[in-house]
Amino acid sequence: MTPFIAHLLPAAALGLCVAIPFGPIGLMCVQRTLTFGIWFGIASGMGAATAHGMFSCLATVSGTVLTQMTLALHTPLRITGGIVLVLMGLRTILVPTRAAHGATCGDLLTCGGLISAYTSTLLIAAANPMTALPYLGVTSALETGKPLIMDRALASPIGVMLGSASWYLFLALSTNTMFRSLQKAALDRFNRLTGILLMALGASLCARIV
């Protein structure tokens, strides 16, 4: 086994374990898969996976920098993430399911569909300080006292992104397979419930700083 693969596999396992707990990103991935289609669910998951890779990269290069950045930006990150979740919840409730299904892929892309799905979850994951905490443990798991080598610097963020992305891909595919036959009335109820949960999560993020 090459040194690159030796560092890649544990990082992929870490990314998978961090992504599996069901939170706002998983909820948005499921909701967008059901409402807009599988590609929008996958794009949402890839945004979160990118944020995980960014945090892993910072932790690998310098855990101290990541710690200081998280502490310094703790409050504005929580406010930003909370506001974005509330707005996403409102949008989920207010956008009719019929309009989403009636739009073509080209119409959605013109409105920033896939890019918006990707960037919104990237922002939400990056704005949540709790996302960074598991990757701070990377620095303690690394071989202390040894210089950073290129294999580890490349393998850790790539592995984390692959592990995280694999979970969101599985989530979108399984959701699309099992629930794609849901009727519009059931989708409307699910969208309203999703919107309420996202707004509650956003409000709780903002409330913790008061």
Protein backbone atom coordinates (compact mmCIF):
# COMPACT_ATOMS: atom_id res chain seq x y z
CA MET A 1 0.00 0.00 0.00
CA THR A 2 1.40 3.38 -1.01
CA PRO A 3 1.74 6.18 1.60
CA PHE A 4 -0.93 8.19 -0.25
CA ILE A 5 -3.49 5.36 0.02
CA ALA A 6 -2.47 4.75 3.64
CA HIS A 7 -3.45 8.33 4.50
CA LEU A 8 -6.45 8.43 2.13
CA LEU A 9 -8.40 5.51 3.61
CA PRO A 10 -8.55 6.75 7.25
CA ALA A 11 -9.46 10.24 6.01
CA ALA A 12 -12.29 8.80 3.90
CA ALA A 13 -13.57 6.88 6.94
CA LEU A 14 -13.47 10.10 8.99
CA GLY A 15 -15.38 12.04 6.33
CA LEU A 16 -18.00 9.29 6.14
CA CYS A 17 -18.46 9.19 9.92
CA VAL A 18 -18.82 12.98 10.14
CA ALA A 19 -21.40 13.08 7.33
CA ILE A 20 -23.62 10.21 8.52
CA PRO A 21 -25.35 11.93 11.50
CA PHE A 22 -28.61 13.35 10.11
CA GLY A 23 -28.76 17.14 10.35
CA PRO A 24 -29.84 20.13 8.24
CA ILE A 25 -27.61 19.12 5.30
CA GLY A 26 -29.04 15.61 5.15
CA LEU A 27 -32.55 17.03 5.47
CA MET A 28 -31.95 19.46 2.59
CA CYS A 29 -30.41 16.70 0.48
CA VAL A 30 -33.52 14.53 0.92
CA GLN A 31 -35.95 17.40 0.37
CA ARG A 32 -34.25 18.64 -2.79
CA THR A 33 -34.01 15.12 -4.19
CA LEU A 34 -37.75 14.65 -3.74
CA THR A 35 -38.74 18.13 -4.94
CA PHE A 36 -36.26 18.99 -7.69
CA GLY A 37 -34.71 15.66 -8.65
CA ILE A 38 -31.68 13.55 -7.84
CA TRP A 39 -29.09 15.93 -9.34
CA PHE A 40 -30.13 18.68 -6.97
CA GLY A 41 -29.84 16.35 -4.00
CA ILE A 42 -26.38 15.27 -5.15
CA ALA A 43 -25.30 18.90 -5.71
CA SER A 44 -26.45 19.77 -2.20
CA GLY A 45 -24.42 16.92 -0.74
CA MET A 46 -21.32 17.86 -2.74
CA GLY A 47 -21.45 21.39 -1.29
CA ALA A 48 -21.28 19.98 2.23
CA ALA A 49 -18.54 17.52 1.22
CA THR A 50 -16.48 20.44 -0.12
CA ALA A 51 -16.79 22.25 3.21
CA HIS A 52 -15.64 19.10 5.02
CA GLY A 53 -12.64 18.88 2.72
CA MET A 54 -11.76 22.53 3.38
CA PHE A 55 -11.82 22.02 7.14
CA SER A 56 -9.76 18.85 6.82
CA CYS A 57 -7.19 20.70 4.71
CA LEU A 58 -6.86 23.46 7.31
CA ALA A 59 -6.60 20.91 10.13
CA THR A 60 -3.92 18.95 8.26
CA VAL A 61 -1.82 22.00 7.43
CA SER A 62 -2.30 23.76 10.76
CA GLY A 63 -4.72 22.73 13.47
CA THR A 64 -3.81 25.91 15.37
CA VAL A 65 -4.98 28.10 12.49
CA LEU A 66 -8.28 26.22 12.29
CA THR A 67 -8.81 26.49 16.04
CA GLN A 68 -8.09 30.23 16.11
CA MET A 69 -10.27 30.83 13.06
CA THR A 70 -13.17 28.87 14.58
CA LEU A 71 -12.94 30.74 17.88
CA ALA A 72 -12.57 34.16 16.26
CA LEU A 73 -15.47 33.66 13.84
CA HIS A 74 -17.69 31.62 16.14
CA THR A 75 -20.41 34.27 16.62
CA PRO A 76 -20.62 35.64 13.05
CA LEU A 77 -20.55 32.09 11.67
CA ARG A 78 -23.46 31.06 13.87
CA ILE A 79 -25.45 34.16 12.92
CA THR A 80 -24.77 33.61 9.21
CA GLY A 81 -25.61 29.93 9.34
CA GLY A 82 -28.76 30.56 11.36
CA ILE A 83 -30.03 33.25 8.98
CA VAL A 84 -29.32 31.11 5.93
CA LEU A 85 -31.20 28.16 7.46
CA VAL A 86 -34.20 30.35 8.30
CA LEU A 87 -34.28 31.76 4.76
CA MET A 88 -33.92 28.28 3.27
CA GLY A 89 -36.78 27.10 5.48
CA LEU A 90 -39.01 29.96 4.33
CA ARG A 91 -38.16 29.28 0.70
CA THR A 92 -38.91 25.57 1.15
CA ILE A 93 -42.34 26.37 2.56
CA LEU A 94 -43.26 29.08 0.06
CA VAL A 95 -42.03 27.57 -3.25
CA PRO A 96 -44.86 25.41 -4.67
CA THR A 97 -44.00 21.79 -5.34
CA ARG A 98 -45.93 21.93 -8.62
CA ALA A 99 -43.66 24.74 -9.92
CA ALA A 100 -40.54 22.82 -9.04
CA HIS A 101 -41.70 19.69 -10.85
CA GLY A 102 -43.02 21.64 -13.79
CA ALA A 103 -39.75 23.43 -14.46
CA THR A 104 -37.29 21.96 -16.91
CA CYS A 105 -33.66 21.32 -16.08
CA GLY A 106 -32.71 24.27 -18.28
CA ASP A 107 -35.12 26.57 -16.42
CA LEU A 108 -33.67 25.56 -13.07
CA LEU A 109 -30.10 26.00 -14.27
CA THR A 110 -30.97 29.45 -15.59
CA CYS A 111 -32.20 30.35 -12.12
CA GLY A 112 -28.95 29.08 -10.64
CA GLY A 113 -30.44 25.70 -9.73
CA LEU A 114 -27.53 23.32 -9.32
CA ILE A 115 -25.03 26.05 -8.44
CA SER A 116 -27.42 27.46 -5.85
CA ALA A 117 -27.97 24.00 -4.35
CA TYR A 118 -24.20 23.47 -4.13
CA THR A 119 -23.27 26.89 -2.72
CA SER A 120 -26.09 27.01 -0.17
CA THR A 121 -25.05 23.78 1.55
CA LEU A 122 -21.38 24.76 1.25
CA LEU A 123 -22.17 27.99 3.10
CA ILE A 124 -24.32 26.31 5.74
CA ALA A 125 -21.71 23.61 6.46
CA ALA A 126 -18.85 26.14 6.50
CA ALA A 127 -20.82 28.49 8.75
CA ASN A 128 -21.40 25.80 11.38
CA PRO A 129 -18.46 25.73 13.84
CA MET A 130 -19.44 22.20 14.86
CA THR A 131 -18.40 20.99 11.40
CA ALA A 132 -14.79 21.90 12.16
CA LEU A 133 -14.54 20.11 15.51
CA PRO A 134 -14.05 16.53 14.23
CA TYR A 135 -11.23 17.69 11.98
CA LEU A 136 -9.40 19.33 14.86
CA GLY A 137 -8.92 15.76 16.07
CA VAL A 138 -7.00 15.05 12.88
CA THR A 139 -4.01 16.97 14.19
CA SER A 140 -3.81 14.84 17.33
CA ALA A 141 -4.15 11.65 15.30
CA LEU A 142 -1.33 12.63 12.96
CA GLU A 143 2.21 11.67 13.70
CA THR A 144 3.40 14.41 16.02
CA GLY A 145 6.92 15.67 15.76
CA LYS A 146 7.19 14.81 12.07
CA PRO A 147 7.07 17.33 9.25
CA LEU A 148 4.00 17.56 7.05
CA ILE A 149 4.54 15.44 3.96
CA MET A 150 2.91 15.98 0.59
CA ASP A 151 1.13 12.60 0.61
CA ARG A 152 -0.65 13.41 3.86
CA ALA A 153 -1.39 17.01 2.87
CA LEU A 154 -3.13 15.83 -0.31
CA ALA A 155 -4.66 12.57 0.89
CA SER A 156 -6.42 13.91 4.00
CA PRO A 157 -8.74 16.51 2.39
CA ILE A 158 -9.31 14.34 -0.69
CA GLY A 159 -10.18 11.34 1.47
CA VAL A 160 -12.52 13.37 3.68
CA MET A 161 -14.31 14.78 0.63
CA LEU A 162 -14.66 11.31 -0.90
CA GLY A 163 -15.99 9.80 2.32
CA SER A 164 -18.44 12.62 2.92
CA ALA A 165 -19.54 12.73 -0.72
CA SER A 166 -20.14 8.98 -0.77
CA TRP A 167 -22.66 9.28 2.06
CA TYR A 168 -24.60 12.14 0.46
CA LEU A 169 -24.57 10.30 -2.87
CA PHE A 170 -26.00 7.23 -1.16
CA LEU A 171 -28.61 9.39 0.61
CA ALA A 172 -29.75 11.03 -2.64
CA LEU A 173 -29.81 7.74 -4.58
CA SER A 174 -31.71 5.84 -1.88
CA THR A 175 -34.20 8.69 -1.43
CA ASN A 176 -34.80 8.87 -5.17
CA THR A 177 -35.28 5.11 -5.39
CA MET A 178 -37.62 4.66 -2.43
CA PHE A 179 -39.72 7.82 -2.42
CA ARG A 180 -39.85 9.14 -6.00
CA SER A 181 -43.46 7.93 -6.38
CA LEU A 182 -44.75 10.18 -3.58
CA GLN A 183 -47.87 12.10 -4.53
CA LYS A 184 -47.90 15.90 -4.61
CA ALA A 185 -49.94 16.17 -1.39
CA ALA A 186 -47.36 14.10 0.50
CA LEU A 187 -44.51 16.16 -1.01
CA ASP A 188 -46.23 19.39 0.04
CA ARG A 189 -46.53 18.16 3.62
CA PHE A 190 -42.91 17.00 3.64
CA ASN A 191 -41.76 20.38 2.28
CA ARG A 192 -43.67 22.26 4.97
CA LEU A 193 -42.24 20.01 7.68
CA THR A 194 -38.73 20.41 6.24
CA GLY A 195 -39.12 24.20 6.12
CA ILE A 196 -40.28 24.35 9.73
CA LEU A 197 -37.38 22.16 10.89
CA LEU A 198 -34.81 24.24 8.97
CA MET A 199 -36.23 27.46 10.44
CA ALA A 200 -36.14 25.95 13.94
CA LEU A 201 -32.53 24.83 13.48
CA GLY A 202 -31.58 28.30 12.20
CA ALA A 203 -33.34 30.00 15.10
CA SER A 204 -31.59 27.71 17.61
CA LEU A 205 -28.19 28.58 16.08
CA CYS A 206 -28.88 32.29 16.49
CA ALA A 207 -30.38 31.84 19.98
CA ARG A 208 -27.19 30.20 21.32
CA ILE A 209 -25.26 33.44 20.96
CA VAL A 210 -27.73 35.46 23.03
